[in-house]
Amino acid sequence: MTSTGSQDGASAPRPRRGRAEKAAAIAHAACEVFGRDGYSRAGIDTIAAEAGVSTRTIYNHFPGGKDELFRSVIRWSSAQVRDEQLARLRRYLDPERPPHPDDLERDLLALAHAWVGLMTDFSDHFSLVRHIHAEAGHIPAEVLDAWQEAGPRAVGHELASAMATLNDHGLIDVHGDPAQAASHFMSFISTDIVQRSYWGVIPLPKEEEERLTTAGVRAFLRAYAAR
């Protein structure tokens, strides 16, 4: 009688993974490896081992090799972060319901804390971003453009629109340039934290992160106070 299951000590054969499942495994593994090793040092063999697939499988999914894989992964990862950034932006700066003047600082602080928290929530993505900045000269221009298009540009546009709405309601003065105001807001709330934590690799103590974020929001409000 033929034995099945684990009666003879052998484990049951694992079901074969479908194409979509393999693609997802490759994407997650590539995000981790690129974030850990960087674009230049990451190897297809390493990514294949992390994903539990063969190198041939990776090339079947990504015939362009490492360039195509990195471009796909950064677009996928950026889209995830973009969607969450936009959700948090709309939660705290709803264009249909601008804050009361007395609540503006509170709402901007809530947005800033939520936004900075993304470095922890999406640590693999921000490790990728850290390597992009470090290795920009070695990454194909079209890959850099794909990253910008997938995430930062869309988020920057929405944040600029939010700043324009605050300006229209007399809550701040963007001095005719809401996109610049949006850029300054991001710089005020995150630059110190990003640099001192190395893009979240070495997280700052919560009280220090709180202090820096609060100082950034208050500096922004001083710079863009309504007339």
N, C-alpha and C. Protein backbone atom coordinates (compact mmCIF):
# COMPACT_ATOMS: atom_id res chain seq x y z
N MET A 1 0.85 -1.19 0.00
CA MET A 1 0.00 0.00 0.00
C MET A 1 0.88 1.23 0.00
N THR A 2 0.59 2.19 -0.87
CA THR A 2 1.40 3.39 -0.99
C THR A 2 1.11 4.35 0.13
N SER A 3 2.15 4.85 0.78
CA SER A 3 1.97 5.79 1.89
C SER A 3 1.78 7.19 1.36
N THR A 4 0.91 7.98 2.02
CA THR A 4 0.69 9.39 1.67
C THR A 4 0.90 10.24 2.90
N GLY A 5 0.93 11.54 2.70
CA GLY A 5 1.11 12.46 3.81
C GLY A 5 2.47 12.29 4.43
N SER A 6 2.50 12.32 5.78
CA SER A 6 3.79 12.26 6.48
C SER A 6 3.96 10.96 7.24
N GLN A 7 3.16 9.91 6.88
CA GLN A 7 3.22 8.67 7.63
C GLN A 7 4.59 8.02 7.54
N ASP A 8 5.29 8.19 6.44
CA ASP A 8 6.61 7.58 6.33
C ASP A 8 7.72 8.60 6.57
N GLY A 9 7.33 9.76 7.14
CA GLY A 9 8.35 10.75 7.46
C GLY A 9 8.58 11.76 6.36
N ALA A 10 8.05 11.50 5.16
CA ALA A 10 8.25 12.44 4.06
C ALA A 10 7.17 13.51 4.10
N SER A 11 7.53 14.73 3.79
CA SER A 11 6.55 15.82 3.77
C SER A 11 5.77 15.77 2.47
N ALA A 12 4.54 16.28 2.54
CA ALA A 12 3.71 16.32 1.33
C ALA A 12 4.30 17.30 0.34
N PRO A 13 4.21 16.99 -0.95
CA PRO A 13 4.76 17.92 -1.94
C PRO A 13 4.03 19.26 -1.89
N ARG A 14 4.80 20.34 -2.02
CA ARG A 14 4.21 21.67 -2.00
C ARG A 14 3.56 21.97 -3.35
N PRO A 15 2.42 22.65 -3.34
CA PRO A 15 1.78 22.99 -4.61
C PRO A 15 2.67 23.94 -5.42
N ARG A 16 2.62 23.80 -6.71
CA ARG A 16 3.41 24.67 -7.58
C ARG A 16 2.84 26.08 -7.54
N ARG A 17 3.74 27.04 -7.50
CA ARG A 17 3.29 28.43 -7.48
C ARG A 17 2.96 28.89 -8.89
N GLY A 18 1.89 29.67 -9.00
CA GLY A 18 1.50 30.22 -10.29
C GLY A 18 2.36 31.40 -10.68
N ARG A 19 2.16 31.89 -11.90
CA ARG A 19 2.97 32.99 -12.41
C ARG A 19 2.83 34.25 -11.55
N ALA A 20 1.60 34.59 -11.17
CA ALA A 20 1.38 35.81 -10.38
C ALA A 20 2.06 35.70 -9.02
N GLU A 21 1.98 34.51 -8.41
CA GLU A 21 2.60 34.32 -7.10
C GLU A 21 4.12 34.41 -7.19
N LYS A 22 4.68 33.87 -8.26
CA LYS A 22 6.13 33.97 -8.44
C LYS A 22 6.55 35.41 -8.67
N ALA A 23 5.76 36.14 -9.47
CA ALA A 23 6.09 37.54 -9.74
C ALA A 23 6.06 38.35 -8.45
N ALA A 24 5.09 38.07 -7.58
CA ALA A 24 5.01 38.79 -6.31
C ALA A 24 6.20 38.44 -5.42
N ALA A 25 6.59 37.18 -5.41
CA ALA A 25 7.73 36.76 -4.60
C ALA A 25 9.01 37.43 -5.09
N ILE A 26 9.15 37.52 -6.41
CA ILE A 26 10.33 38.18 -6.98
C ILE A 26 10.34 39.66 -6.61
N ALA A 27 9.18 40.31 -6.71
CA ALA A 27 9.10 41.74 -6.40
C ALA A 27 9.48 42.01 -4.94
N HIS A 28 8.94 41.22 -4.02
CA HIS A 28 9.24 41.42 -2.60
C HIS A 28 10.72 41.15 -2.32
N ALA A 29 11.25 40.08 -2.91
CA ALA A 29 12.66 39.75 -2.69
C ALA A 29 13.56 40.83 -3.28
N ALA A 30 13.23 41.30 -4.47
CA ALA A 30 14.05 42.33 -5.11
C ALA A 30 14.03 43.62 -4.31
N CYS A 31 12.87 43.98 -3.77
CA CYS A 31 12.78 45.19 -2.95
C CYS A 31 13.71 45.07 -1.74
N GLU A 32 13.71 43.91 -1.12
CA GLU A 32 14.57 43.69 0.05
C GLU A 32 16.05 43.72 -0.33
N VAL A 33 16.40 43.03 -1.41
CA VAL A 33 17.82 42.94 -1.80
C VAL A 33 18.34 44.28 -2.31
N PHE A 34 17.58 44.96 -3.16
CA PHE A 34 18.01 46.27 -3.63
C PHE A 34 18.12 47.26 -2.47
N GLY A 35 17.18 47.18 -1.52
CA GLY A 35 17.23 48.07 -0.38
C GLY A 35 18.40 47.79 0.54
N ARG A 36 18.83 46.54 0.59
CA ARG A 36 19.94 46.15 1.46
C ARG A 36 21.29 46.35 0.79
N ASP A 37 21.39 45.93 -0.48
CA ASP A 37 22.69 45.91 -1.17
C ASP A 37 22.89 47.07 -2.13
N GLY A 38 21.80 47.78 -2.48
CA GLY A 38 21.92 48.84 -3.47
C GLY A 38 21.79 48.30 -4.88
N TYR A 39 21.65 49.21 -5.82
CA TYR A 39 21.46 48.82 -7.22
C TYR A 39 22.70 48.16 -7.79
N SER A 40 23.86 48.76 -7.56
CA SER A 40 25.08 48.27 -8.20
C SER A 40 25.50 46.89 -7.70
N ARG A 41 25.35 46.65 -6.41
CA ARG A 41 25.85 45.40 -5.83
C ARG A 41 24.83 44.26 -5.86
N ALA A 42 23.57 44.58 -6.00
CA ALA A 42 22.55 43.53 -6.00
C ALA A 42 22.72 42.63 -7.22
N GLY A 43 22.57 41.34 -6.99
CA GLY A 43 22.72 40.38 -8.09
C GLY A 43 21.44 39.60 -8.32
N ILE A 44 21.23 39.23 -9.57
CA ILE A 44 20.05 38.43 -9.91
C ILE A 44 20.06 37.10 -9.16
N ASP A 45 21.23 36.49 -8.99
CA ASP A 45 21.32 35.22 -8.27
C ASP A 45 20.83 35.38 -6.83
N THR A 46 21.22 36.46 -6.19
CA THR A 46 20.81 36.70 -4.81
C THR A 46 19.30 36.90 -4.73
N ILE A 47 18.76 37.67 -5.66
CA ILE A 47 17.32 37.92 -5.66
C ILE A 47 16.56 36.62 -5.90
N ALA A 48 17.06 35.80 -6.82
CA ALA A 48 16.41 34.52 -7.11
C ALA A 48 16.40 33.64 -5.86
N ALA A 49 17.51 33.60 -5.14
CA ALA A 49 17.59 32.78 -3.93
C ALA A 49 16.61 33.28 -2.87
N GLU A 50 16.53 34.59 -2.71
CA GLU A 50 15.61 35.17 -1.73
C GLU A 50 14.15 34.88 -2.10
N ALA A 51 13.86 34.88 -3.40
CA ALA A 51 12.48 34.66 -3.86
C ALA A 51 12.12 33.18 -3.94
N GLY A 52 13.12 32.32 -3.87
CA GLY A 52 12.87 30.89 -4.00
C GLY A 52 12.53 30.46 -5.41
N VAL A 53 13.15 31.14 -6.38
CA VAL A 53 12.93 30.81 -7.79
C VAL A 53 14.29 30.69 -8.47
N SER A 54 14.30 30.25 -9.71
CA SER A 54 15.54 30.16 -10.46
C SER A 54 15.82 31.50 -11.15
N THR A 55 17.07 31.69 -11.53
CA THR A 55 17.40 32.90 -12.29
C THR A 55 16.67 32.90 -13.63
N ARG A 56 16.47 31.73 -14.20
CA ARG A 56 15.73 31.65 -15.47
C ARG A 56 14.31 32.19 -15.28
N THR A 57 13.69 31.88 -14.13
CA THR A 57 12.34 32.38 -13.87
C THR A 57 12.33 33.91 -13.83
N ILE A 58 13.35 34.48 -13.20
CA ILE A 58 13.41 35.96 -13.15
C ILE A 58 13.51 36.53 -14.54
N TYR A 59 14.36 35.94 -15.38
CA TYR A 59 14.51 36.46 -16.74
C TYR A 59 13.26 36.21 -17.58
N ASN A 60 12.51 35.15 -17.25
CA ASN A 60 11.24 34.94 -17.95
C ASN A 60 10.26 36.05 -17.64
N HIS A 61 10.28 36.53 -16.39
CA HIS A 61 9.39 37.62 -16.00
C HIS A 61 9.95 38.99 -16.39
N PHE A 62 11.26 39.11 -16.33
CA PHE A 62 11.93 40.40 -16.59
C PHE A 62 13.07 40.19 -17.58
N PRO A 63 12.75 40.11 -18.88
CA PRO A 63 13.77 39.82 -19.90
C PRO A 63 14.90 40.85 -19.92
N GLY A 64 14.62 42.07 -19.47
CA GLY A 64 15.64 43.11 -19.45
C GLY A 64 16.61 43.00 -18.30
N GLY A 65 16.48 41.96 -17.50
CA GLY A 65 17.42 41.73 -16.41
C GLY A 65 17.28 42.72 -15.27
N LYS A 66 18.42 43.07 -14.68
CA LYS A 66 18.41 43.87 -13.46
C LYS A 66 17.78 45.25 -13.67
N ASP A 67 18.06 45.89 -14.80
CA ASP A 67 17.49 47.22 -15.06
C ASP A 67 15.96 47.17 -15.06
N GLU A 68 15.41 46.21 -15.78
CA GLU A 68 13.96 46.09 -15.86
C GLU A 68 13.36 45.71 -14.51
N LEU A 69 14.02 44.82 -13.80
CA LEU A 69 13.53 44.39 -12.50
C LEU A 69 13.54 45.56 -11.51
N PHE A 70 14.62 46.32 -11.49
CA PHE A 70 14.70 47.45 -10.57
C PHE A 70 13.64 48.49 -10.92
N ARG A 71 13.48 48.76 -12.20
CA ARG A 71 12.46 49.74 -12.62
C ARG A 71 11.07 49.28 -12.20
N SER A 72 10.77 48.01 -12.38
CA SER A 72 9.46 47.49 -12.00
C SER A 72 9.25 47.54 -10.49
N VAL A 73 10.28 47.18 -9.75
CA VAL A 73 10.17 47.14 -8.30
C VAL A 73 10.01 48.55 -7.73
N ILE A 74 10.79 49.50 -8.22
CA ILE A 74 10.68 50.85 -7.65
C ILE A 74 9.35 51.48 -8.01
N ARG A 75 8.82 51.16 -9.20
CA ARG A 75 7.49 51.68 -9.55
C ARG A 75 6.41 51.04 -8.68
N TRP A 76 6.51 49.73 -8.47
CA TRP A 76 5.54 49.03 -7.62
C TRP A 76 5.60 49.56 -6.19
N SER A 77 6.80 49.67 -5.64
CA SER A 77 6.96 50.12 -4.27
C SER A 77 6.53 51.58 -4.12
N SER A 78 6.90 52.42 -5.09
CA SER A 78 6.52 53.83 -5.03
C SER A 78 5.02 54.02 -5.11
N ALA A 79 4.36 53.20 -5.90
CA ALA A 79 2.91 53.31 -6.02
C ALA A 79 2.23 52.98 -4.70
N GLN A 80 2.75 51.98 -3.98
CA GLN A 80 2.19 51.65 -2.67
C GLN A 80 2.34 52.81 -1.70
N VAL A 81 3.53 53.39 -1.65
CA VAL A 81 3.78 54.50 -0.73
C VAL A 81 2.99 55.73 -1.17
N ARG A 82 2.94 55.97 -2.46
CA ARG A 82 2.15 57.11 -2.98
C ARG A 82 0.70 57.02 -2.52
N ASP A 83 0.10 55.86 -2.67
CA ASP A 83 -1.30 55.70 -2.30
C ASP A 83 -1.51 55.98 -0.81
N GLU A 84 -0.58 55.53 0.01
CA GLU A 84 -0.71 55.77 1.45
C GLU A 84 -0.45 57.24 1.79
N GLN A 85 0.51 57.86 1.12
CA GLN A 85 0.76 59.28 1.33
C GLN A 85 -0.47 60.11 0.97
N LEU A 86 -1.08 59.80 -0.15
CA LEU A 86 -2.26 60.55 -0.58
C LEU A 86 -3.42 60.32 0.37
N ALA A 87 -3.57 59.10 0.88
CA ALA A 87 -4.64 58.82 1.83
C ALA A 87 -4.45 59.63 3.11
N ARG A 88 -3.21 59.70 3.59
CA ARG A 88 -2.95 60.46 4.81
C ARG A 88 -3.10 61.96 4.57
N LEU A 89 -2.68 62.41 3.40
CA LEU A 89 -2.85 63.83 3.07
C LEU A 89 -4.32 64.21 3.08
N ARG A 90 -5.15 63.39 2.45
CA ARG A 90 -6.58 63.70 2.38
C ARG A 90 -7.26 63.55 3.74
N ARG A 91 -6.69 62.70 4.60
CA ARG A 91 -7.27 62.53 5.93
C ARG A 91 -7.08 63.80 6.77
N TYR A 92 -5.91 64.42 6.66
CA TYR A 92 -5.60 65.55 7.52
C TYR A 92 -5.76 66.91 6.85
N LEU A 93 -5.75 66.95 5.52
CA LEU A 93 -5.97 68.20 4.79
C LEU A 93 -6.99 67.95 3.69
N ASP A 94 -8.20 67.65 4.09
CA ASP A 94 -9.28 67.39 3.14
C ASP A 94 -9.62 68.68 2.41
N PRO A 95 -9.44 68.72 1.07
CA PRO A 95 -9.72 69.96 0.34
C PRO A 95 -11.17 70.40 0.43
N GLU A 96 -12.07 69.47 0.73
CA GLU A 96 -13.48 69.82 0.87
C GLU A 96 -13.81 70.40 2.25
N ARG A 97 -12.90 70.17 3.19
CA ARG A 97 -13.15 70.67 4.55
C ARG A 97 -11.86 71.26 5.12
N PRO A 98 -11.47 72.45 4.68
CA PRO A 98 -10.24 73.06 5.19
C PRO A 98 -10.34 73.28 6.70
N PRO A 99 -9.23 73.23 7.39
CA PRO A 99 -9.27 73.36 8.86
C PRO A 99 -9.67 74.76 9.31
N HIS A 100 -10.20 74.83 10.50
CA HIS A 100 -10.42 76.12 11.15
C HIS A 100 -9.05 76.74 11.44
N PRO A 101 -8.93 78.06 11.36
CA PRO A 101 -7.62 78.67 11.61
C PRO A 101 -6.98 78.23 12.92
N ASP A 102 -7.80 78.03 13.96
CA ASP A 102 -7.25 77.61 15.24
C ASP A 102 -6.72 76.18 15.22
N ASP A 103 -7.13 75.40 14.21
CA ASP A 103 -6.74 73.99 14.14
C ASP A 103 -5.65 73.73 13.09
N LEU A 104 -5.21 74.78 12.41
CA LEU A 104 -4.27 74.57 11.30
C LEU A 104 -2.97 73.92 11.78
N GLU A 105 -2.38 74.44 12.83
CA GLU A 105 -1.12 73.86 13.31
C GLU A 105 -1.32 72.42 13.75
N ARG A 106 -2.44 72.16 14.45
CA ARG A 106 -2.73 70.79 14.90
C ARG A 106 -2.82 69.83 13.71
N ASP A 107 -3.53 70.24 12.65
CA ASP A 107 -3.72 69.35 11.51
C ASP A 107 -2.43 69.16 10.72
N LEU A 108 -1.64 70.22 10.60
CA LEU A 108 -0.35 70.08 9.90
C LEU A 108 0.59 69.19 10.69
N LEU A 109 0.55 69.29 12.02
CA LEU A 109 1.37 68.40 12.85
C LEU A 109 0.94 66.95 12.69
N ALA A 110 -0.37 66.72 12.66
CA ALA A 110 -0.87 65.35 12.50
C ALA A 110 -0.42 64.78 11.15
N LEU A 111 -0.50 65.61 10.11
CA LEU A 111 -0.04 65.17 8.79
C LEU A 111 1.46 64.90 8.81
N ALA A 112 2.22 65.78 9.42
CA ALA A 112 3.67 65.62 9.46
C ALA A 112 4.06 64.33 10.18
N HIS A 113 3.44 64.07 11.32
CA HIS A 113 3.76 62.84 12.07
C HIS A 113 3.38 61.60 11.25
N ALA A 114 2.23 61.65 10.60
CA ALA A 114 1.79 60.51 9.79
C ALA A 114 2.73 60.29 8.62
N TRP A 115 3.20 61.38 8.03
CA TRP A 115 4.07 61.28 6.87
C TRP A 115 5.45 60.75 7.25
N VAL A 116 5.99 61.29 8.32
CA VAL A 116 7.30 60.81 8.77
C VAL A 116 7.22 59.34 9.17
N GLY A 117 6.07 58.92 9.72
CA GLY A 117 5.90 57.53 10.12
C GLY A 117 5.98 56.55 8.97
N LEU A 118 5.82 57.04 7.74
CA LEU A 118 5.91 56.15 6.58
C LEU A 118 7.29 55.51 6.46
N MET A 119 8.33 56.19 6.97
CA MET A 119 9.67 55.61 6.88
C MET A 119 9.77 54.30 7.65
N THR A 120 8.97 54.20 8.70
CA THR A 120 8.93 52.95 9.47
C THR A 120 7.96 51.96 8.84
N ASP A 121 6.82 52.46 8.40
CA ASP A 121 5.79 51.59 7.83
C ASP A 121 6.24 50.95 6.51
N PHE A 122 7.09 51.66 5.76
CA PHE A 122 7.56 51.17 4.46
C PHE A 122 9.09 51.21 4.44
N SER A 123 9.69 50.55 5.41
CA SER A 123 11.14 50.65 5.57
C SER A 123 11.90 50.13 4.35
N ASP A 124 11.42 49.05 3.71
CA ASP A 124 12.11 48.52 2.53
C ASP A 124 12.11 49.56 1.41
N HIS A 125 10.99 50.24 1.23
CA HIS A 125 10.91 51.26 0.18
C HIS A 125 11.91 52.38 0.44
N PHE A 126 11.98 52.86 1.66
CA PHE A 126 12.86 54.00 1.92
C PHE A 126 14.32 53.60 1.94
N SER A 127 14.59 52.32 2.16
CA SER A 127 15.96 51.84 1.94
C SER A 127 16.30 51.92 0.45
N LEU A 128 15.34 51.58 -0.40
CA LEU A 128 15.53 51.73 -1.84
C LEU A 128 15.81 53.18 -2.20
N VAL A 129 15.01 54.09 -1.65
CA VAL A 129 15.17 55.51 -1.96
C VAL A 129 16.54 56.00 -1.51
N ARG A 130 16.97 55.55 -0.36
CA ARG A 130 18.31 55.94 0.13
C ARG A 130 19.38 55.53 -0.87
N HIS A 131 19.26 54.31 -1.41
CA HIS A 131 20.26 53.86 -2.38
C HIS A 131 20.12 54.61 -3.71
N ILE A 132 18.92 54.97 -4.08
CA ILE A 132 18.74 55.76 -5.31
C ILE A 132 19.50 57.06 -5.21
N HIS A 133 19.37 57.74 -4.08
CA HIS A 133 20.09 59.01 -3.91
C HIS A 133 21.61 58.79 -3.90
N ALA A 134 22.03 57.70 -3.30
CA ALA A 134 23.47 57.43 -3.21
C ALA A 134 24.06 56.99 -4.54
N GLU A 135 23.27 56.32 -5.38
CA GLU A 135 23.80 55.72 -6.60
C GLU A 135 23.20 56.32 -7.87
N ALA A 136 22.67 57.52 -7.78
CA ALA A 136 21.97 58.10 -8.92
C ALA A 136 22.82 58.10 -10.19
N GLY A 137 24.12 58.27 -10.05
CA GLY A 137 24.99 58.30 -11.21
C GLY A 137 25.17 56.95 -11.88
N HIS A 138 24.76 55.88 -11.19
CA HIS A 138 24.92 54.54 -11.75
C HIS A 138 23.59 53.91 -12.17
N ILE A 139 22.50 54.62 -11.96
CA ILE A 139 21.17 54.10 -12.28
C ILE A 139 20.70 54.73 -13.59
N PRO A 140 20.21 53.94 -14.54
CA PRO A 140 19.76 54.51 -15.82
C PRO A 140 18.74 55.63 -15.62
N ALA A 141 18.86 56.68 -16.45
CA ALA A 141 18.00 57.85 -16.31
C ALA A 141 16.52 57.49 -16.41
N GLU A 142 16.20 56.53 -17.27
CA GLU A 142 14.79 56.16 -17.44
C GLU A 142 14.25 55.47 -16.19
N VAL A 143 15.12 54.82 -15.43
CA VAL A 143 14.69 54.19 -14.19
C VAL A 143 14.40 55.27 -13.14
N LEU A 144 15.26 56.28 -13.06
CA LEU A 144 15.03 57.39 -12.15
C LEU A 144 13.72 58.11 -12.49
N ASP A 145 13.48 58.29 -13.77
CA ASP A 145 12.26 58.97 -14.20
C ASP A 145 11.03 58.13 -13.87
N ALA A 146 11.14 56.82 -14.03
CA ALA A 146 10.02 55.93 -13.71
C ALA A 146 9.67 56.02 -12.23
N TRP A 147 10.69 56.11 -11.38
CA TRP A 147 10.46 56.26 -9.93
C TRP A 147 9.74 57.58 -9.64
N GLN A 148 10.24 58.67 -10.22
CA GLN A 148 9.61 59.97 -9.98
C GLN A 148 8.16 59.97 -10.45
N GLU A 149 7.91 59.39 -11.60
CA GLU A 149 6.56 59.39 -12.16
C GLU A 149 5.61 58.53 -11.32
N ALA A 150 6.11 57.43 -10.79
CA ALA A 150 5.26 56.52 -10.03
C ALA A 150 4.84 57.08 -8.69
N GLY A 151 5.67 57.92 -8.08
CA GLY A 151 5.36 58.38 -6.73
C GLY A 151 5.56 59.85 -6.46
N PRO A 152 6.80 60.31 -6.38
CA PRO A 152 7.05 61.68 -5.91
C PRO A 152 6.33 62.78 -6.68
N ARG A 153 6.23 62.67 -7.99
CA ARG A 153 5.57 63.74 -8.74
C ARG A 153 4.09 63.84 -8.41
N ALA A 154 3.41 62.69 -8.36
CA ALA A 154 1.98 62.69 -8.05
C ALA A 154 1.73 63.24 -6.66
N VAL A 155 2.55 62.82 -5.70
CA VAL A 155 2.38 63.29 -4.33
C VAL A 155 2.68 64.79 -4.24
N GLY A 156 3.72 65.24 -4.92
CA GLY A 156 4.05 66.66 -4.91
C GLY A 156 2.93 67.50 -5.49
N HIS A 157 2.30 67.00 -6.54
CA HIS A 157 1.19 67.72 -7.16
C HIS A 157 0.01 67.84 -6.20
N GLU A 158 -0.33 66.74 -5.51
CA GLU A 158 -1.45 66.77 -4.57
C GLU A 158 -1.15 67.66 -3.38
N LEU A 159 0.09 67.63 -2.89
CA LEU A 159 0.43 68.47 -1.76
C LEU A 159 0.40 69.95 -2.16
N ALA A 160 0.84 70.24 -3.38
CA ALA A 160 0.76 71.63 -3.87
C ALA A 160 -0.69 72.08 -3.96
N SER A 161 -1.57 71.19 -4.39
CA SER A 161 -3.00 71.54 -4.46
C SER A 161 -3.55 71.81 -3.07
N ALA A 162 -3.11 71.02 -2.09
CA ALA A 162 -3.56 71.24 -0.71
C ALA A 162 -3.08 72.59 -0.21
N MET A 163 -1.84 72.96 -0.54
CA MET A 163 -1.33 74.25 -0.13
C MET A 163 -2.10 75.39 -0.81
N ALA A 164 -2.46 75.20 -2.07
CA ALA A 164 -3.25 76.21 -2.77
C ALA A 164 -4.62 76.39 -2.11
N THR A 165 -5.21 75.29 -1.65
CA THR A 165 -6.50 75.36 -0.97
C THR A 165 -6.38 76.14 0.34
N LEU A 166 -5.31 75.88 1.11
CA LEU A 166 -5.10 76.62 2.35
C LEU A 166 -4.91 78.11 2.05
N ASN A 167 -4.20 78.39 0.96
CA ASN A 167 -4.00 79.79 0.54
C ASN A 167 -5.33 80.44 0.18
N ASP A 168 -6.16 79.73 -0.58
CA ASP A 168 -7.45 80.28 -1.03
C ASP A 168 -8.37 80.58 0.13
N HIS A 169 -8.22 79.85 1.24
CA HIS A 169 -9.06 80.07 2.41
C HIS A 169 -8.40 81.01 3.42
N GLY A 170 -7.32 81.65 3.00
CA GLY A 170 -6.68 82.63 3.85
C GLY A 170 -5.94 82.07 5.05
N LEU A 171 -5.60 80.78 5.01
CA LEU A 171 -4.94 80.14 6.15
C LEU A 171 -3.42 80.27 6.07
N ILE A 172 -2.88 80.30 4.88
CA ILE A 172 -1.46 80.56 4.66
C ILE A 172 -1.33 81.44 3.44
N ASP A 173 -0.12 81.93 3.21
CA ASP A 173 0.19 82.71 2.00
C ASP A 173 1.32 82.00 1.27
N VAL A 174 0.99 81.40 0.12
CA VAL A 174 2.01 80.64 -0.62
C VAL A 174 2.85 81.53 -1.53
N HIS A 175 2.64 82.82 -1.47
CA HIS A 175 3.44 83.77 -2.24
C HIS A 175 3.41 83.45 -3.73
N GLY A 176 2.25 82.98 -4.20
CA GLY A 176 2.08 82.72 -5.62
C GLY A 176 2.68 81.43 -6.12
N ASP A 177 3.22 80.60 -5.23
CA ASP A 177 3.89 79.37 -5.69
C ASP A 177 3.56 78.21 -4.74
N PRO A 178 2.38 77.59 -4.91
CA PRO A 178 2.01 76.49 -4.01
C PRO A 178 2.95 75.29 -4.10
N ALA A 179 3.54 75.05 -5.27
CA ALA A 179 4.47 73.92 -5.39
C ALA A 179 5.71 74.16 -4.53
N GLN A 180 6.19 75.40 -4.50
CA GLN A 180 7.35 75.71 -3.66
C GLN A 180 6.98 75.59 -2.18
N ALA A 181 5.77 76.02 -1.83
CA ALA A 181 5.31 75.88 -0.45
C ALA A 181 5.26 74.41 -0.05
N ALA A 182 4.77 73.56 -0.96
CA ALA A 182 4.71 72.12 -0.68
C ALA A 182 6.10 71.55 -0.47
N SER A 183 7.03 71.96 -1.32
CA SER A 183 8.41 71.48 -1.19
C SER A 183 9.02 71.92 0.13
N HIS A 184 8.77 73.17 0.51
CA HIS A 184 9.31 73.66 1.77
C HIS A 184 8.68 72.94 2.96
N PHE A 185 7.39 72.65 2.89
CA PHE A 185 6.75 71.91 3.98
C PHE A 185 7.44 70.56 4.18
N MET A 186 7.67 69.85 3.09
CA MET A 186 8.34 68.56 3.19
C MET A 186 9.74 68.70 3.77
N SER A 187 10.45 69.73 3.33
CA SER A 187 11.81 69.94 3.84
C SER A 187 11.81 70.25 5.33
N PHE A 188 10.89 71.13 5.74
CA PHE A 188 10.84 71.53 7.15
C PHE A 188 10.52 70.35 8.06
N ILE A 189 9.61 69.46 7.64
CA ILE A 189 9.16 68.40 8.55
C ILE A 189 10.03 67.16 8.52
N SER A 190 10.83 66.98 7.46
CA SER A 190 11.48 65.67 7.33
C SER A 190 12.98 65.68 7.11
N THR A 191 13.56 66.77 6.63
CA THR A 191 14.98 66.73 6.24
C THR A 191 15.88 66.33 7.40
N ASP A 192 15.71 66.98 8.56
CA ASP A 192 16.56 66.63 9.71
C ASP A 192 16.38 65.17 10.11
N ILE A 193 15.14 64.70 10.10
CA ILE A 193 14.86 63.33 10.51
C ILE A 193 15.46 62.34 9.52
N VAL A 194 15.29 62.61 8.24
CA VAL A 194 15.84 61.73 7.20
C VAL A 194 17.35 61.64 7.31
N GLN A 195 18.00 62.78 7.44
CA GLN A 195 19.46 62.79 7.47
C GLN A 195 20.01 62.15 8.75
N ARG A 196 19.39 62.46 9.87
CA ARG A 196 19.92 61.96 11.14
C ARG A 196 19.59 60.49 11.38
N SER A 197 18.53 60.00 10.74
CA SER A 197 18.18 58.58 10.90
C SER A 197 18.65 57.74 9.72
N TYR A 198 19.33 58.39 8.74
CA TYR A 198 19.79 57.68 7.54
C TYR A 198 18.62 56.97 6.86
N TRP A 199 17.59 57.78 6.54
CA TRP A 199 16.38 57.27 5.90
C TRP A 199 15.72 56.18 6.73
N GLY A 200 15.73 56.34 8.04
CA GLY A 200 15.04 55.41 8.92
C GLY A 200 15.84 54.18 9.30
N VAL A 201 17.07 54.07 8.82
CA VAL A 201 17.88 52.89 9.14
C VAL A 201 18.18 52.85 10.64
N ILE A 202 18.46 54.02 11.22
CA ILE A 202 18.71 54.13 12.66
C ILE A 202 17.66 55.09 13.21
N PRO A 203 16.50 54.60 13.57
CA PRO A 203 15.40 55.48 13.99
C PRO A 203 15.79 56.37 15.17
N LEU A 204 15.30 57.60 15.15
CA LEU A 204 15.52 58.51 16.26
C LEU A 204 14.57 58.18 17.41
N PRO A 205 14.93 58.56 18.62
CA PRO A 205 13.98 58.42 19.74
C PRO A 205 12.70 59.19 19.41
N LYS A 206 11.57 58.67 19.86
CA LYS A 206 10.28 59.27 19.52
C LYS A 206 10.20 60.73 19.96
N GLU A 207 10.74 61.03 21.14
CA GLU A 207 10.65 62.41 21.61
C GLU A 207 11.47 63.36 20.75
N GLU A 208 12.60 62.87 20.20
CA GLU A 208 13.41 63.71 19.32
C GLU A 208 12.72 63.89 17.97
N GLU A 209 12.14 62.83 17.46
CA GLU A 209 11.37 62.93 16.22
C GLU A 209 10.20 63.90 16.38
N GLU A 210 9.54 63.82 17.51
CA GLU A 210 8.43 64.73 17.82
C GLU A 210 8.92 66.18 17.85
N ARG A 211 10.04 66.41 18.50
CA ARG A 211 10.58 67.77 18.61
C ARG A 211 10.92 68.33 17.25
N LEU A 212 11.58 67.53 16.42
CA LEU A 212 11.99 68.01 15.10
C LEU A 212 10.79 68.27 14.20
N THR A 213 9.81 67.40 14.26
CA THR A 213 8.61 67.57 13.43
C THR A 213 7.84 68.82 13.85
N THR A 214 7.67 69.00 15.14
CA THR A 214 6.96 70.18 15.65
C THR A 214 7.69 71.46 15.26
N ALA A 215 9.01 71.46 15.42
CA ALA A 215 9.80 72.64 15.04
C ALA A 215 9.66 72.92 13.54
N GLY A 216 9.61 71.86 12.73
CA GLY A 216 9.48 72.04 11.30
C GLY A 216 8.15 72.65 10.91
N VAL A 217 7.07 72.17 11.50
CA VAL A 217 5.74 72.71 11.19
C VAL A 217 5.66 74.17 11.62
N ARG A 218 6.19 74.49 12.77
CA ARG A 218 6.13 75.88 13.25
C ARG A 218 6.99 76.80 12.40
N ALA A 219 8.11 76.31 11.94
CA ALA A 219 8.94 77.12 11.04
C ALA A 219 8.22 77.35 9.71
N PHE A 220 7.54 76.33 9.22
CA PHE A 220 6.77 76.48 7.99
C PHE A 220 5.68 77.53 8.16
N LEU A 221 4.97 77.48 9.27
CA LEU A 221 3.88 78.43 9.50
C LEU A 221 4.41 79.85 9.64
N ARG A 222 5.59 80.02 10.23
CA ARG A 222 6.17 81.36 10.29
C ARG A 222 6.52 81.86 8.90
N ALA A 223 7.05 80.95 8.08
CA ALA A 223 7.47 81.37 6.73
C ALA A 223 6.28 81.65 5.82
N TYR A 224 5.17 80.95 6.04
CA TYR A 224 4.02 81.06 5.16
C TYR A 224 2.77 81.58 5.88
N ALA A 225 2.99 82.41 6.90
CA ALA A 225 1.86 82.96 7.64
C ALA A 225 0.98 83.79 6.71
N ALA A 226 -0.32 83.68 6.93
CA ALA A 226 -1.27 84.47 6.12
C ALA A 226 -1.07 85.95 6.42
N ARG A 227 -1.23 86.74 5.39
CA ARG A 227 -1.09 88.18 5.57
C ARG A 227 -2.31 88.74 6.29
